[in-house]
C-alpha atoms as a PDB file:
ATOM      1  CA  MET A   1     252.835  94.959 300.257  1.00  0.00           C
ATOM      2  CA  ASP A   2     253.173  91.972 297.915  1.00  0.00           C
ATOM      3  CA  GLN A   3     253.269  92.289 294.105  1.00  0.00           C
ATOM      4  CA  ASP A   4     249.588  91.534 293.690  1.00  0.00           C
ATOM      5  CA  GLY A   5     248.640  94.142 296.250  1.00  0.00           C
ATOM      6  CA  LEU A   6     250.954  96.693 294.671  1.00  0.00           C
ATOM      7  CA  GLU A   7     249.445  96.122 291.232  1.00  0.00           C
ATOM      8  CA  ARG A   8     245.903  96.417 292.580  1.00  0.00           C
ATOM      9  CA  ALA A   9     246.830  99.708 294.241  1.00  0.00           C
ATOM     10  CA  LEU A  10     248.396 100.958 291.003  1.00  0.00           C
ATOM     11  CA  LEU A  11     245.271 100.005 289.061  1.00  0.00           C
ATOM     12  CA  ALA A  12     243.049 101.907 291.482  1.00  0.00           C
ATOM     13  CA  LYS A  13     245.198 105.020 291.099  1.00  0.00           C
ATOM     14  CA  ALA A  14     245.337 104.594 287.308  1.00  0.00           C
ATOM     15  CA  LEU A  15     241.551 104.432 287.130  1.00  0.00           C
ATOM     16  CA  ASP A  16     241.454 107.673 289.108  1.00  0.00           C
ATOM     17  CA  GLY A  17     243.524 109.324 286.384  1.00  0.00           C
ATOM     18  CA  ASP A  18     247.062 108.901 287.716  1.00  0.00           C
ATOM     19  CA  GLN A  19     249.061 108.301 284.535  1.00  0.00           C
ATOM     20  CA  ALA A  20     252.330 107.608 286.346  1.00  0.00           C
ATOM     21  CA  SER A  21     250.619 104.727 288.180  1.00  0.00           C
ATOM     22  CA  LEU A  22     249.276 103.396 284.892  1.00  0.00           C
ATOM     23  CA  VAL A  23     252.740 103.424 283.359  1.00  0.00           C
ATOM     24  CA  GLU A  24     254.147 101.603 286.400  1.00  0.00           C
ATOM     25  CA  LEU A  25     251.314  99.072 286.201  1.00  0.00           C
ATOM     26  CA  LEU A  26     251.981  98.441 282.514  1.00  0.00           C
ATOM     27  CA  GLU A  27     255.665  97.897 283.257  1.00  0.00           C
ATOM     28  CA  SER A  28     254.687  95.371 285.929  1.00  0.00           C
ATOM     29  CA  VAL A  29     252.076  93.310 284.066  1.00  0.00           C
ATOM     30  CA  GLY A  30     253.506  93.808 280.571  1.00  0.00           C
ATOM     31  CA  PRO A  31     255.900  90.828 280.672  1.00  0.00           C
ATOM     32  CA  ARG A  32     252.955  88.488 281.379  1.00  0.00           C
ATOM     33  CA  VAL A  33     251.080  89.788 278.360  1.00  0.00           C
ATOM     34  CA  ARG A  34     254.243  89.652 276.271  1.00  0.00           C
ATOM     35  CA  GLY A  35     254.708  85.999 277.155  1.00  0.00           C
ATOM     36  CA  ARG A  36     251.181  85.177 276.011  1.00  0.00           C
ATOM     37  CA  ILE A  37     251.458  87.117 272.764  1.00  0.00           C
ATOM     38  CA  ASP A  38     254.923  86.217 271.484  1.00  0.00           C
ATOM     39  CA  PRO A  39     253.979  82.631 270.495  1.00  0.00           C
ATOM     40  CA  LYS A  40     250.972  83.968 268.550  1.00  0.00           C
ATOM     41  CA  ILE A  41     253.112  85.947 266.113  1.00  0.00           C
ATOM     42  CA  GLY A  42     253.432  83.587 263.158  1.00  0.00           C
ATOM     43  CA  ARG A  43     256.710  83.047 261.349  1.00  0.00           C
ATOM     44  CA  HIS A  44     255.491  84.819 258.208  1.00  0.00           C
ATOM     45  CA  LEU A  45     254.387  87.858 260.223  1.00  0.00           C
ATOM     46  CA  ARG A  46     257.723  88.173 262.039  1.00  0.00           C
ATOM     47  CA  ILE A  47     259.203  89.535 258.810  1.00  0.00           C
ATOM     48  CA  THR A  48     257.500  92.847 259.568  1.00  0.00           C
ATOM     49  CA  VAL A  49     256.292  92.527 263.180  1.00  0.00           C
ATOM     50  CA  ASP A  50     258.000  91.564 266.408  1.00  0.00           C
ATOM     51  CA  VAL A  51     256.701  91.388 269.940  1.00  0.00           C
ATOM     52  CA  ASP A  52     258.285  94.740 270.834  1.00  0.00           C
ATOM     53  CA  ASP A  53     256.140  96.380 268.129  1.00  0.00           C
ATOM     54  CA  VAL A  54     253.036  94.699 269.499  1.00  0.00           C
ATOM     55  CA  MET A  55     253.666  95.730 273.076  1.00  0.00           C
ATOM     56  CA  GLN A  56     254.583  99.313 272.134  1.00  0.00           C
ATOM     57  CA  VAL A  57     251.279  99.858 270.342  1.00  0.00           C
ATOM     58  CA  THR A  58     249.388  97.945 273.041  1.00  0.00           C
ATOM     59  CA  TYR A  59     250.729 100.237 275.757  1.00  0.00           C
ATOM     60  CA  LEU A  60     249.806 103.313 273.725  1.00  0.00           C
ATOM     61  CA  GLU A  61     246.269 102.056 273.250  1.00  0.00           C
ATOM     62  CA  ALA A  62     245.975 101.205 276.945  1.00  0.00           C
ATOM     63  CA  VAL A  63     247.086 104.710 277.951  1.00  0.00           C
ATOM     64  CA  THR A  64     244.592 106.352 275.612  1.00  0.00           C
ATOM     65  CA  ARG A  65     241.744 103.949 276.448  1.00  0.00           C
ATOM     66  CA  ILE A  66     242.107 103.459 280.188  1.00  0.00           C
ATOM     67  CA  ASP A  67     238.973 105.502 280.851  1.00  0.00           C
ATOM     68  CA  SER A  68     236.948 102.809 279.063  1.00  0.00           C
ATOM     69  CA  PHE A  69     238.176  99.988 281.326  1.00  0.00           C
ATOM     70  CA  GLU A  70     236.085  98.734 284.212  1.00  0.00           C
ATOM     71  CA  GLY A  71     237.162  95.786 286.312  1.00  0.00           C
ATOM     72  CA  ASP A  72     239.747  94.311 288.637  1.00  0.00           C
ATOM     73  CA  LEU A  73     243.407  93.378 288.165  1.00  0.00           C
ATOM     74  CA  PRO A  74     242.823  90.029 286.381  1.00  0.00           C
ATOM     75  CA  GLY A  75     240.347  91.843 284.150  1.00  0.00           C
ATOM     76  CA  PHE A  76     242.956  94.472 283.348  1.00  0.00           C
ATOM     77  CA  VAL A  77     245.517  91.855 282.349  1.00  0.00           C
ATOM     78  CA  ALA A  78     242.883  90.154 280.171  1.00  0.00           C
ATOM     79  CA  TRP A  79     241.941  93.527 278.635  1.00  0.00           C
ATOM     80  CA  LEU A  80     245.562  94.303 277.842  1.00  0.00           C
ATOM     81  CA  THR A  81     246.024  90.849 276.351  1.00  0.00           C
ATOM     82  CA  ARG A  82     242.994  91.317 274.073  1.00  0.00           C
ATOM     83  CA  ILE A  83     244.411  94.620 272.834  1.00  0.00           C
ATOM     84  CA  ALA A  84     247.708  92.896 272.048  1.00  0.00           C
ATOM     85  CA  GLU A  85     245.954  89.997 270.313  1.00  0.00           C
ATOM     86  CA  ASN A  86     243.964  92.424 268.182  1.00  0.00           C
ATOM     87  CA  ASN A  87     247.181  94.192 267.252  1.00  0.00           C
ATOM     88  CA  VAL A  88     248.707  90.938 266.032  1.00  0.00           C
ATOM     89  CA  ILE A  89     245.593  90.089 264.012  1.00  0.00           C
ATOM     90  CA  ASP A  90     245.366  93.559 262.486  1.00  0.00           C
ATOM     91  CA  ALA A  91     249.068  93.681 261.651  1.00  0.00           C
ATOM     92  CA  GLY A  92     248.711  90.451 259.690  1.00  0.00           C
ATOM     93  CA  ARG A  93     245.569  91.626 257.950  1.00  0.00           C
ATOM     94  CA  MET A  94     247.010  94.972 256.923  1.00  0.00           C
ATOM     95  CA  ALA A  95     250.330  93.482 255.845  1.00  0.00           C
ATOM     96  CA  GLU A  96     248.467  91.111 253.527  1.00  0.00           C
ATOM     97  CA  ALA A  97     246.239  93.918 252.227  1.00  0.00           C
ATOM     98  CA  ALA A  98     249.304  96.040 251.463  1.00  0.00           C
ATOM     99  CA  LYS A  99     250.532  93.320 249.084  1.00  0.00           C
ATOM    100  CA  ARG A 100     247.410  93.694 246.943  1.00  0.00           C
ATOM    101  CA  PRO A 101     246.076  97.205 247.609  1.00  0.00           C
ATOM    102  CA  ASN A 102     242.485  98.000 246.699  1.00  0.00           C
ATOM    103  CA  PRO A 103     242.566 101.161 244.560  1.00  0.00           C
ATOM    104  CA  ARG A 104     239.363 102.335 246.261  1.00  0.00           C
ATOM    105  CA  ASN A 105     241.101 102.250 249.624  1.00  0.00           C
ATOM    106  CA  ARG A 106     244.543 103.566 248.660  1.00  0.00           C
ATOM    107  CA  VAL A 107     244.642 106.479 246.225  1.00  0.00           C
ATOM    108  CA  THR A 108     248.305 107.116 245.608  1.00  0.00           C
ATOM    109  CA  GLY A 109     248.701 110.146 243.420  1.00  0.00           C
ATOM    110  CA  GLY A 110     244.964 110.843 243.411  1.00  0.00           C
ATOM    111  CA  SER A 111     243.321 114.046 244.508  1.00  0.00           C
ATOM    112  CA  ASN A 112     242.961 114.862 248.175  1.00  0.00           C
ATOM    113  CA  ALA A 113     239.182 114.508 247.848  1.00  0.00           C
ATOM    114  CA  GLU A 114     239.599 111.001 246.439  1.00  0.00           C
ATOM    115  CA  SER A 115     241.912 110.053 249.276  1.00  0.00           C
ATOM    116  CA  MET A 116     239.444 111.350 251.849  1.00  0.00           C
ATOM    117  CA  VAL A 117     236.563 109.411 250.300  1.00  0.00           C
ATOM    118  CA  ALA A 118     238.717 106.273 250.181  1.00  0.00           C
ATOM    119  CA  LEU A 119     239.602 106.698 253.861  1.00  0.00           C
ATOM    120  CA  VAL A 120     235.962 107.126 254.866  1.00  0.00           C
ATOM    121  CA  GLU A 121     235.046 103.983 252.940  1.00  0.00           C
ATOM    122  CA  ALA A 122     237.996 102.076 254.414  1.00  0.00           C
ATOM    123  CA  ILE A 123     236.768 102.602 257.969  1.00  0.00           C
ATOM    124  CA  GLY A 124     233.252 101.491 257.065  1.00  0.00           C
ATOM    125  CA  ALA A 125     231.458 104.830 256.819  1.00  0.00           C
ATOM    126  CA  THR A 126     228.852 105.832 254.243  1.00  0.00           C
ATOM    127  CA  VAL A 127     228.259 109.354 252.997  1.00  0.00           C
ATOM    128  CA  THR A 128     224.506 109.915 253.022  1.00  0.00           C
ATOM    129  CA  THR A 129     224.291 113.200 251.109  1.00  0.00           C
ATOM    130  CA  PRO A 130     223.483 112.841 247.376  1.00  0.00           C
ATOM    131  CA  SER A 131     225.515 115.938 246.483  1.00  0.00           C
ATOM    132  CA  LYS A 132     229.134 115.143 245.559  1.00  0.00           C
ATOM    133  CA  VAL A 133     230.198 118.728 246.192  1.00  0.00           C
ATOM    134  CA  ALA A 134     228.558 118.770 249.609  1.00  0.00           C
ATOM    135  CA  ALA A 135     230.035 115.354 250.355  1.00  0.00           C
ATOM    136  CA  ALA A 136     233.582 116.454 249.491  1.00  0.00           C
ATOM    137  CA  ASN A 137     233.298 119.600 251.604  1.00  0.00           C
ATOM    138  CA  GLU A 138     231.656 117.778 254.482  1.00  0.00           C
ATOM    139  CA  ILE A 139     234.153 114.915 254.457  1.00  0.00           C
ATOM    140  CA  GLY A 140     237.081 117.317 254.601  1.00  0.00           C
ATOM    141  CA  GLY A 141     235.678 119.280 257.513  1.00  0.00           C
ATOM    142  CA  ALA A 142     234.547 116.232 259.456  1.00  0.00           C
ATOM    143  CA  LEU A 143     237.859 114.446 258.975  1.00  0.00           C
ATOM    144  CA  GLU A 144     239.851 117.432 260.177  1.00  0.00           C
ATOM    145  CA  ARG A 145     237.699 117.761 263.286  1.00  0.00           C
ATOM    146  CA  SER A 146     237.912 114.037 263.936  1.00  0.00           C
ATOM    147  CA  LEU A 147     241.675 113.792 263.393  1.00  0.00           C
ATOM    148  CA  ALA A 148     242.167 116.614 265.881  1.00  0.00           C
ATOM    149  CA  LYS A 149     240.553 114.390 268.538  1.00  0.00           C
ATOM    150  CA  LEU A 150     242.898 111.435 267.957  1.00  0.00           C
ATOM    151  CA  PRO A 151     246.218 110.813 269.696  1.00  0.00           C
ATOM    152  CA  GLU A 152     248.856 112.616 267.637  1.00  0.00           C
ATOM    153  CA  VAL A 153     250.596 109.494 266.348  1.00  0.00           C
ATOM    154  CA  TYR A 154     247.265 108.039 265.155  1.00  0.00           C
ATOM    155  CA  ALA A 155     246.430 111.220 263.267  1.00  0.00           C
ATOM    156  CA  ARG A 156     249.881 111.315 261.680  1.00  0.00           C
ATOM    157  CA  VAL A 157     249.628 107.713 260.478  1.00  0.00           C
ATOM    158  CA  ILE A 158     246.293 108.444 258.820  1.00  0.00           C
ATOM    159  CA  ARG A 159     247.569 111.657 257.222  1.00  0.00           C
ATOM    160  CA  LEU A 160     250.699 109.993 255.855  1.00  0.00           C
ATOM    161  CA  TYR A 161     249.364 106.558 254.885  1.00  0.00           C
ATOM    162  CA  ASP A 162     245.755 107.170 253.918  1.00  0.00           C
ATOM    163  CA  LEU A 163     245.733 110.776 252.774  1.00  0.00           C
ATOM    164  CA  LYS A 164     249.226 111.206 251.312  1.00  0.00           C
ATOM    165  CA  GLY A 165     249.418 107.639 249.996  1.00  0.00           C
ATOM    166  CA  MET A 166     252.798 106.779 251.537  1.00  0.00           C
ATOM    167  CA  ASN A 167     253.562 103.096 252.077  1.00  0.00           C
ATOM    168  CA  ALA A 168     254.134 101.569 255.502  1.00  0.00           C
ATOM    169  CA  ALA A 169     257.916 101.534 255.172  1.00  0.00           C
ATOM    170  CA  SER A 170     258.018 105.249 254.319  1.00  0.00           C
ATOM    171  CA  VAL A 171     255.570 106.125 257.097  1.00  0.00           C
ATOM    172  CA  GLY A 172     257.711 104.124 259.502  1.00  0.00           C
ATOM    173  CA  GLN A 173     260.805 106.099 258.518  1.00  0.00           C
ATOM    174  CA  GLU A 174     258.895 109.345 259.009  1.00  0.00           C
ATOM    175  CA  LEU A 175     257.664 108.325 262.475  1.00  0.00           C
ATOM    176  CA  GLY A 176     260.669 106.334 263.654  1.00  0.00           C
ATOM    177  CA  LYS A 177     258.562 103.169 263.804  1.00  0.00           C
ATOM    178  CA  SER A 178     258.853  99.734 262.232  1.00  0.00           C
ATOM    179  CA  GLU A 179     256.671  98.748 259.295  1.00  0.00           C
ATOM    180  CA  GLY A 180     254.753  96.365 261.534  1.00  0.00           C
ATOM    181  CA  ALA A 181     254.108  99.089 264.102  1.00  0.00           C
ATOM    182  CA  VAL A 182     252.683 101.287 261.350  1.00  0.00           C
ATOM    183  CA  TYR A 183     250.171  98.583 260.399  1.00  0.00           C
ATOM    184  CA  MET A 184     249.041  98.252 264.013  1.00  0.00           C
ATOM    185  CA  LEU A 185     248.901 101.993 264.599  1.00  0.00           C
ATOM    186  CA  ARG A 186     246.838 102.414 261.440  1.00  0.00           C
ATOM    187  CA  ALA A 187     244.356  99.766 262.571  1.00  0.00           C
ATOM    188  CA  ARG A 188     243.956 101.407 265.966  1.00  0.00           C
ATOM    189  CA  ALA A 189     243.726 104.850 264.328  1.00  0.00           C
ATOM    190  CA  HIS A 190     240.942 103.619 262.045  1.00  0.00           C
ATOM    191  CA  ASP A 191     239.077 102.230 265.061  1.00  0.00           C
ATOM    192  CA  ARG A 192     239.331 105.551 266.860  1.00  0.00           C
ATOM    193  CA  LEU A 193     238.407 107.558 263.761  1.00  0.00           C
ATOM    194  CA  ARG A 194     235.339 105.363 263.281  1.00  0.00           C
ATOM    195  CA  ASP A 195     234.320 106.097 266.869  1.00  0.00           C
ATOM    196  CA  VAL A 196     234.405 109.875 266.472  1.00  0.00           C
ATOM    197  CA  LEU A 197     233.520 110.459 262.821  1.00  0.00           C
ATOM    198  CA  GLY A 198     229.802 109.748 263.043  1.00  0.00           C
ATOM    199  CA  SER A 199     229.301 112.416 265.687  1.00  0.00           C
ATOM    200  CA  GLU A 200     231.018 115.019 263.526  1.00  0.00           C
ATOM    201  CA  SER A 201     228.518 115.162 260.685  1.00  0.00           C
ATOM    202  CA  GLN A 202     224.900 114.458 259.863  1.00  0.00           C
ATOM    203  CA  PHE A 203     226.040 113.196 256.461  1.00  0.00           C
ATOM    204  CA  PHE A 204     227.796 110.067 257.754  1.00  0.00           C
ATOM    205  CA  THR A 205     226.495 106.659 258.683  1.00  0.00           C
ATOM    206  CA  VAL A 206     229.248 104.718 260.439  1.00  0.00           C
ATOM    207  CA  HIS A 207     229.072 100.930 260.511  1.00  0.00           C
ATOM    208  CA  GLY A 208     230.757  99.013 263.320  1.00  0.00           C
END
């Protein structure tokens, strides 16, 4: 069987839930995606992000999102490339935001309730209850339920960065990741949290 045929067979098995086949497929097509992405990492961004960071987070997202993919082998490569491109974009955006943090989105030293509200606002959600007490209680419960549904590393990034107020460098040391990887993981974690949060409470409106 030639390489193309092998990759198509691996994709079919991966879509049937065979994780080992997915990992082998990622190892096979990854260099192609890497070659497309590396030139898109600007010189200023390479201070905190390199292509290894991008591919590491891209593979993680692919493993946790494979059940959402529908298509053939070229479509899979394009899908993986889009994930990688989004990681590069988000890493740049979050690195710039970290230089001039919005106090409403990062509450270092604030109360846990303030940090939770800031996190909800950061992902584009609105609390619809008029009661501040009810909102605080509801946010805490909904966030805990939602974080439990995320991949572990995504939940840890949110807990450390958004809720504890640690900076990306400190979170990276805690997780054994680079600063750039933390920015990308946080972006993907926010995406996933946004997906699940609205279903956890009647008090949230989540904006895409």
